[in-house]
N, C-alpha and C. Protein backbone atom coordinates (compact mmCIF):
# COMPACT_ATOMS: atom_id res chain seq x y z
N UNK A 1 2.79 -8.28 27.17
CA UNK A 1 2.55 -7.44 26.02
C UNK A 1 3.51 -7.84 24.91
N UNK A 2 3.00 -7.92 23.69
CA UNK A 2 3.82 -8.24 22.54
C UNK A 2 3.44 -7.30 21.41
N UNK A 3 4.44 -6.82 20.68
CA UNK A 3 4.19 -5.88 19.60
C UNK A 3 5.17 -6.17 18.48
N UNK A 4 4.70 -6.12 17.24
CA UNK A 4 5.56 -6.31 16.08
C UNK A 4 5.78 -4.96 15.42
N UNK A 5 7.05 -4.59 15.24
CA UNK A 5 7.39 -3.33 14.58
C UNK A 5 8.46 -3.61 13.53
N UNK A 6 8.54 -2.76 12.54
CA UNK A 6 9.57 -2.87 11.51
C UNK A 6 10.66 -1.85 11.81
N UNK A 7 11.83 -2.11 11.29
CA UNK A 7 12.93 -1.19 11.49
C UNK A 7 14.03 -1.47 10.48
N UNK A 8 15.13 -0.74 10.61
CA UNK A 8 16.27 -0.89 9.71
C UNK A 8 17.53 -1.01 10.53
N UNK A 9 18.35 -1.99 10.20
CA UNK A 9 19.63 -2.17 10.86
C UNK A 9 20.68 -1.37 10.09
N UNK A 10 21.35 -0.43 10.75
CA UNK A 10 22.32 0.43 10.06
C UNK A 10 23.76 -0.06 10.19
N UNK A 11 23.95 -1.26 10.69
CA UNK A 11 25.28 -1.80 10.90
C UNK A 11 25.71 -1.75 12.36
N UNK A 12 25.01 -0.94 13.14
CA UNK A 12 25.32 -0.81 14.56
C UNK A 12 24.07 -1.03 15.41
N UNK A 13 23.00 -0.33 15.08
CA UNK A 13 21.76 -0.42 15.86
C UNK A 13 20.57 -0.62 14.93
N UNK A 14 19.48 -1.09 15.51
CA UNK A 14 18.22 -1.21 14.77
C UNK A 14 17.41 0.04 15.05
N UNK A 15 17.05 0.76 13.99
CA UNK A 15 16.23 1.97 14.12
C UNK A 15 14.81 1.60 13.74
N UNK A 16 13.88 1.76 14.69
CA UNK A 16 12.49 1.40 14.46
C UNK A 16 11.80 2.42 13.56
N UNK A 17 10.85 1.92 12.75
CA UNK A 17 10.08 2.79 11.86
C UNK A 17 9.01 3.58 12.61
N UNK A 18 8.62 3.11 13.77
CA UNK A 18 7.58 3.78 14.55
C UNK A 18 7.95 3.69 16.02
N UNK A 19 7.53 4.67 16.82
CA UNK A 19 7.83 4.62 18.26
C UNK A 19 7.07 3.47 18.94
N UNK A 20 7.64 3.00 20.03
CA UNK A 20 6.99 1.95 20.81
C UNK A 20 6.44 2.54 22.09
N UNK A 21 5.37 1.98 22.60
CA UNK A 21 4.73 2.47 23.81
C UNK A 21 5.30 1.74 25.04
N UNK A 22 6.60 1.97 25.29
CA UNK A 22 7.25 1.39 26.47
C UNK A 22 8.14 2.46 27.10
N UNK A 23 8.45 2.29 28.38
CA UNK A 23 9.30 3.23 29.09
C UNK A 23 10.74 3.11 28.60
N UNK A 24 11.48 4.22 28.56
CA UNK A 24 12.90 4.17 28.20
C UNK A 24 13.65 3.22 29.12
N UNK A 25 14.66 2.58 28.58
CA UNK A 25 15.55 1.64 29.29
C UNK A 25 14.86 0.36 29.72
N UNK A 26 13.68 0.07 29.18
CA UNK A 26 13.01 -1.20 29.44
C UNK A 26 13.72 -2.29 28.66
N UNK A 27 14.06 -3.38 29.32
CA UNK A 27 14.69 -4.51 28.62
C UNK A 27 13.63 -5.24 27.80
N UNK A 28 14.00 -5.60 26.58
CA UNK A 28 13.08 -6.28 25.68
C UNK A 28 13.78 -7.47 25.03
N UNK A 29 13.02 -8.38 24.49
CA UNK A 29 13.55 -9.51 23.72
C UNK A 29 13.28 -9.20 22.25
N UNK A 30 14.31 -9.32 21.42
CA UNK A 30 14.19 -8.99 20.00
C UNK A 30 14.41 -10.24 19.17
N UNK A 31 13.51 -10.52 18.26
CA UNK A 31 13.66 -11.58 17.28
C UNK A 31 13.80 -10.92 15.92
N UNK A 32 14.87 -11.23 15.20
CA UNK A 32 15.12 -10.58 13.91
C UNK A 32 14.63 -11.48 12.79
N UNK A 33 13.81 -10.90 11.93
CA UNK A 33 13.30 -11.60 10.74
C UNK A 33 13.51 -10.67 9.55
N UNK A 34 14.52 -10.93 8.72
CA UNK A 34 14.77 -10.05 7.58
C UNK A 34 13.54 -9.95 6.67
N UNK A 35 13.30 -8.73 6.20
CA UNK A 35 12.19 -8.48 5.28
C UNK A 35 12.78 -8.29 3.90
N UNK A 36 12.19 -8.93 2.91
CA UNK A 36 12.69 -8.83 1.54
C UNK A 36 12.69 -7.37 1.09
N UNK A 37 13.79 -6.93 0.50
CA UNK A 37 13.86 -5.55 0.01
C UNK A 37 13.34 -5.44 -1.42
N UNK A 38 13.00 -6.57 -2.01
CA UNK A 38 12.44 -6.55 -3.36
C UNK A 38 10.96 -6.19 -3.26
N UNK A 39 10.57 -5.09 -3.89
CA UNK A 39 9.15 -4.71 -3.79
C UNK A 39 8.26 -5.75 -4.45
N UNK A 40 7.12 -5.98 -3.83
CA UNK A 40 6.19 -6.93 -4.42
C UNK A 40 5.54 -6.29 -5.64
N UNK A 41 5.08 -7.13 -6.56
CA UNK A 41 4.47 -6.64 -7.78
C UNK A 41 3.14 -5.97 -7.45
N UNK A 42 2.95 -4.79 -7.98
CA UNK A 42 1.72 -4.05 -7.76
C UNK A 42 0.72 -4.47 -8.83
N UNK A 43 -0.48 -4.91 -8.43
CA UNK A 43 -1.46 -5.32 -9.44
C UNK A 43 -1.89 -4.14 -10.29
N UNK A 44 -2.17 -4.40 -11.56
CA UNK A 44 -2.63 -3.37 -12.47
C UNK A 44 -4.09 -3.02 -12.25
N UNK A 45 -4.54 -2.02 -12.99
CA UNK A 45 -5.92 -1.56 -12.86
C UNK A 45 -6.92 -2.68 -13.13
N UNK A 46 -6.71 -3.42 -14.22
CA UNK A 46 -7.67 -4.46 -14.58
C UNK A 46 -7.77 -5.54 -13.50
N UNK A 47 -6.62 -5.97 -12.97
CA UNK A 47 -6.64 -6.95 -11.89
C UNK A 47 -7.40 -6.43 -10.67
N UNK A 48 -7.14 -5.18 -10.33
CA UNK A 48 -7.81 -4.58 -9.18
C UNK A 48 -9.31 -4.46 -9.43
N UNK A 49 -9.68 -4.01 -10.62
CA UNK A 49 -11.10 -3.86 -10.95
C UNK A 49 -11.81 -5.20 -10.91
N UNK A 50 -11.18 -6.23 -11.46
CA UNK A 50 -11.82 -7.56 -11.46
C UNK A 50 -11.92 -8.11 -10.04
N UNK A 51 -10.87 -7.92 -9.24
CA UNK A 51 -10.89 -8.43 -7.87
C UNK A 51 -11.97 -7.73 -7.04
N UNK A 52 -12.16 -6.43 -7.30
CA UNK A 52 -13.14 -5.66 -6.54
C UNK A 52 -14.52 -5.66 -7.19
N UNK A 53 -14.66 -6.37 -8.28
CA UNK A 53 -15.93 -6.50 -9.01
C UNK A 53 -16.51 -5.12 -9.32
N UNK A 54 -15.67 -4.26 -9.94
CA UNK A 54 -16.12 -2.93 -10.32
C UNK A 54 -17.15 -3.06 -11.42
N UNK A 55 -18.25 -2.36 -11.27
CA UNK A 55 -19.33 -2.38 -12.26
C UNK A 55 -19.46 -0.98 -12.83
N UNK A 56 -19.51 -0.88 -14.14
CA UNK A 56 -19.64 0.42 -14.79
C UNK A 56 -20.58 0.32 -15.97
N UNK A 57 -20.80 1.44 -16.62
CA UNK A 57 -21.70 1.44 -17.77
C UNK A 57 -21.13 0.61 -18.92
N UNK A 58 -21.99 0.11 -19.79
CA UNK A 58 -21.57 -0.75 -20.89
C UNK A 58 -20.64 -0.02 -21.86
N UNK A 59 -20.77 1.29 -21.99
CA UNK A 59 -19.93 2.04 -22.94
C UNK A 59 -18.70 2.67 -22.27
N UNK A 60 -18.32 2.17 -21.12
CA UNK A 60 -17.21 2.71 -20.36
C UNK A 60 -15.94 2.82 -21.21
N UNK A 61 -15.60 1.75 -21.90
CA UNK A 61 -14.35 1.72 -22.66
C UNK A 61 -14.35 2.73 -23.80
N UNK A 62 -15.46 2.85 -24.51
CA UNK A 62 -15.49 3.75 -25.66
C UNK A 62 -15.68 5.20 -25.26
N UNK A 63 -16.25 5.48 -24.11
CA UNK A 63 -16.51 6.86 -23.67
C UNK A 63 -15.74 7.22 -22.40
N UNK A 64 -14.57 6.63 -22.22
CA UNK A 64 -13.83 6.84 -20.98
C UNK A 64 -13.51 8.32 -20.74
N UNK A 65 -13.17 9.07 -21.79
CA UNK A 65 -12.84 10.49 -21.62
C UNK A 65 -14.03 11.27 -21.06
N UNK A 66 -15.22 10.96 -21.54
CA UNK A 66 -16.42 11.62 -21.03
C UNK A 66 -16.67 11.31 -19.57
N UNK A 67 -16.42 10.06 -19.17
CA UNK A 67 -16.62 9.69 -17.76
C UNK A 67 -15.55 10.29 -16.87
N UNK A 68 -14.33 10.47 -17.40
CA UNK A 68 -13.26 11.05 -16.60
C UNK A 68 -13.34 12.56 -16.51
N UNK A 69 -13.65 13.21 -17.64
CA UNK A 69 -13.55 14.67 -17.71
C UNK A 69 -14.87 15.38 -17.98
N UNK A 70 -15.94 14.64 -18.11
CA UNK A 70 -17.24 15.26 -18.42
C UNK A 70 -17.46 15.31 -19.92
N UNK A 71 -18.66 15.57 -20.33
CA UNK A 71 -18.95 15.59 -21.76
C UNK A 71 -18.21 16.73 -22.48
N UNK A 72 -17.79 16.46 -23.71
CA UNK A 72 -17.14 17.47 -24.52
C UNK A 72 -18.18 18.41 -25.12
N UNK A 73 -17.74 19.59 -25.48
CA UNK A 73 -18.66 20.56 -26.11
C UNK A 73 -19.24 19.94 -27.37
N UNK A 74 -20.53 20.02 -27.52
CA UNK A 74 -21.19 19.46 -28.70
C UNK A 74 -21.71 18.05 -28.49
N UNK A 75 -21.28 17.39 -27.39
CA UNK A 75 -21.81 16.04 -27.09
C UNK A 75 -23.18 16.17 -26.44
N UNK A 76 -24.10 15.38 -26.89
CA UNK A 76 -25.44 15.37 -26.31
C UNK A 76 -25.75 14.06 -25.69
C-alpha cells in the first residue's frame, strides 16, 4: 500500500494534514519533498471563461447587470 499525504514540519515532528488509514505504531517509510510555499497564480475570470469555452448572449458585456441581478424597473 502506498499513499501520498501533505503535512507540515514544526521543527520536531511532521503533522499530517489528513488522517491515514493505518494502525497506530505501524512503521512507515517517509520521503520528504518540500512543497513551495509561494501560492500559484490564480487565473482570472477571462482566462477561466476562455479555457472553459463559456458561451453567453451577444449583449452580455453591455447588459451584465441585468444578467446578474435581473431586469431593472422600466426595462422591457
